[in-house]
Amino acid sequence: MKVEVLGTGCAKCKRLAKNVETAIKELGIEAEVVKVDDITEIMDRGVMLTPALAVDGELKVSGRVADVKEIKEILQG
């Protein structure tokens, strides 16, 4: 599983990244976490509001910080 946090490094982006790491740890699953901070790449994916969260290339959350509970639900599918 590849989990991507898209954002330019703002406080909200960092909070989303921390929530992602917490959710993965609490679920006890293996996942590759990638932080995408290149604005061109973010825009090429159609993301206009950051932070954003993508799982295996599919955009799941955009423009807000998802909490740990919501991220766990997303990761469990």
C-alpha atoms as a PDB file:
ATOM      1  CA  MET A   1       0.000   0.000   0.000  1.00  0.00           C
ATOM      2  CA  LYS A   2       1.298   3.445  -0.932  1.00  0.00           C
ATOM      3  CA  VAL A   3      -0.027   6.401   1.043  1.00  0.00           C
ATOM      4  CA  GLU A   4       0.790   9.871  -0.228  1.00  0.00           C
ATOM      5  CA  VAL A   5       0.442  13.141   1.662  1.00  0.00           C
ATOM      6  CA  LEU A   6       0.280  16.003  -0.825  1.00  0.00           C
ATOM      7  CA  GLY A   7       1.132  19.456   0.446  1.00  0.00           C
ATOM      8  CA  THR A   8       3.744  22.160   0.431  1.00  0.00           C
ATOM      9  CA  GLY A   9       4.856  21.684   4.031  1.00  0.00           C
ATOM     10  CA  CYS A  10       2.335  23.917   5.793  1.00  0.00           C
ATOM     11  CA  ALA A  11       1.207  23.203   9.352  1.00  0.00           C
ATOM     12  CA  LYS A  12      -1.950  21.428   8.146  1.00  0.00           C
ATOM     13  CA  CYS A  13       0.093  19.268   5.775  1.00  0.00           C
ATOM     14  CA  LYS A  14       2.396  18.250   8.612  1.00  0.00           C
ATOM     15  CA  ARG A  15      -0.591  17.462  10.835  1.00  0.00           C
ATOM     16  CA  LEU A  16      -2.106  15.241   8.122  1.00  0.00           C
ATOM     17  CA  ALA A  17       1.218  13.421   7.715  1.00  0.00           C
ATOM     18  CA  LYS A  18       1.384  12.821  11.476  1.00  0.00           C
ATOM     19  CA  ASN A  19      -2.217  11.535  11.500  1.00  0.00           C
ATOM     20  CA  VAL A  20      -1.387   9.154   8.632  1.00  0.00           C
ATOM     21  CA  GLU A  21       1.610   7.761  10.492  1.00  0.00           C
ATOM     22  CA  THR A  22      -0.463   7.339  13.660  1.00  0.00           C
ATOM     23  CA  ALA A  23      -3.271   5.554  11.794  1.00  0.00           C
ATOM     24  CA  ILE A  24      -0.845   3.132  10.118  1.00  0.00           C
ATOM     25  CA  LYS A  25       0.849   2.389  13.438  1.00  0.00           C
ATOM     26  CA  GLU A  26      -2.475   1.833  15.241  1.00  0.00           C
ATOM     27  CA  LEU A  27      -3.682  -0.512  12.489  1.00  0.00           C
ATOM     28  CA  GLY A  28      -0.389  -2.397  12.521  1.00  0.00           C
ATOM     29  CA  ILE A  29      -0.197  -2.470   8.723  1.00  0.00           C
ATOM     30  CA  GLU A  30       2.676  -2.097   6.291  1.00  0.00           C
ATOM     31  CA  ALA A  31       2.447   0.989   4.107  1.00  0.00           C
ATOM     32  CA  GLU A  32       4.853   3.210   2.231  1.00  0.00           C
ATOM     33  CA  VAL A  33       4.278   6.847   3.212  1.00  0.00           C
ATOM     34  CA  VAL A  34       5.401   9.414   0.651  1.00  0.00           C
ATOM     35  CA  LYS A  35       5.264  13.166   1.135  1.00  0.00           C
ATOM     36  CA  VAL A  36       4.683  14.985  -2.160  1.00  0.00           C
ATOM     37  CA  ASP A  37       5.632  18.647  -1.821  1.00  0.00           C
ATOM     38  CA  ASP A  38       6.267  19.613  -5.447  1.00  0.00           C
ATOM     39  CA  ILE A  39       3.478  22.051  -6.348  1.00  0.00           C
ATOM     40  CA  THR A  40       3.619  21.120 -10.044  1.00  0.00           C
ATOM     41  CA  GLU A  41       3.142  17.423  -9.285  1.00  0.00           C
ATOM     42  CA  ILE A  42       0.321  18.227  -6.860  1.00  0.00           C
ATOM     43  CA  MET A  43      -1.462  20.344  -9.481  1.00  0.00           C
ATOM     44  CA  ASP A  44      -0.869  17.702 -12.191  1.00  0.00           C
ATOM     45  CA  ARG A  45      -2.915  15.332 -10.044  1.00  0.00           C
ATOM     46  CA  GLY A  46      -5.811  17.769 -10.066  1.00  0.00           C
ATOM     47  CA  VAL A  47      -5.400  18.800  -6.430  1.00  0.00           C
ATOM     48  CA  MET A  48      -6.218  22.465  -5.980  1.00  0.00           C
ATOM     49  CA  LEU A  49      -6.515  22.502  -2.182  1.00  0.00           C
ATOM     50  CA  THR A  50      -3.946  21.047   0.176  1.00  0.00           C
ATOM     51  CA  PRO A  51      -3.391  19.101   2.245  1.00  0.00           C
ATOM     52  CA  ALA A  52      -4.517  16.045   0.330  1.00  0.00           C
ATOM     53  CA  LEU A  53      -4.311  12.306   0.876  1.00  0.00           C
ATOM     54  CA  ALA A  54      -3.994   9.654  -1.816  1.00  0.00           C
ATOM     55  CA  VAL A  55      -3.944   5.891  -1.322  1.00  0.00           C
ATOM     56  CA  ASP A  56      -2.498   3.742  -4.103  1.00  0.00           C
ATOM     57  CA  GLY A  57      -2.806   6.684  -6.481  1.00  0.00           C
ATOM     58  CA  GLU A  58      -6.463   7.417  -5.704  1.00  0.00           C
ATOM     59  CA  LEU A  59      -7.283  10.787  -4.143  1.00  0.00           C
ATOM     60  CA  LYS A  60      -9.221  10.280  -0.900  1.00  0.00           C
ATOM     61  CA  VAL A  61      -9.133  13.648   0.909  1.00  0.00           C
ATOM     62  CA  SER A  62      -8.402  17.164  -0.344  1.00  0.00           C
ATOM     63  CA  GLY A  63      -8.404  20.588   1.279  1.00  0.00           C
ATOM     64  CA  ARG A  64      -8.617  19.481   4.897  1.00  0.00           C
ATOM     65  CA  VAL A  65      -6.890  17.496   7.613  1.00  0.00           C
ATOM     66  CA  ALA A  66      -8.444  14.075   8.033  1.00  0.00           C
ATOM     67  CA  ASP A  67      -8.397  12.782  11.588  1.00  0.00           C
ATOM     68  CA  VAL A  68      -6.838   9.469  12.598  1.00  0.00           C
ATOM     69  CA  LYS A  69     -10.212   7.688  12.741  1.00  0.00           C
ATOM     70  CA  GLU A  70     -11.140   8.714   9.189  1.00  0.00           C
ATOM     71  CA  ILE A  71      -7.713   7.741   7.849  1.00  0.00           C
ATOM     72  CA  LYS A  72      -7.992   4.326   9.500  1.00  0.00           C
ATOM     73  CA  GLU A  73     -11.375   3.817   7.813  1.00  0.00           C
ATOM     74  CA  ILE A  74      -9.881   4.810   4.440  1.00  0.00           C
ATOM     75  CA  LEU A  75      -6.924   2.470   4.864  1.00  0.00           C
ATOM     76  CA  GLN A  76      -9.127  -0.449   5.858  1.00  0.00           C
ATOM     77  CA  GLY A  77     -11.156   0.108   2.686  1.00  0.00           C
END
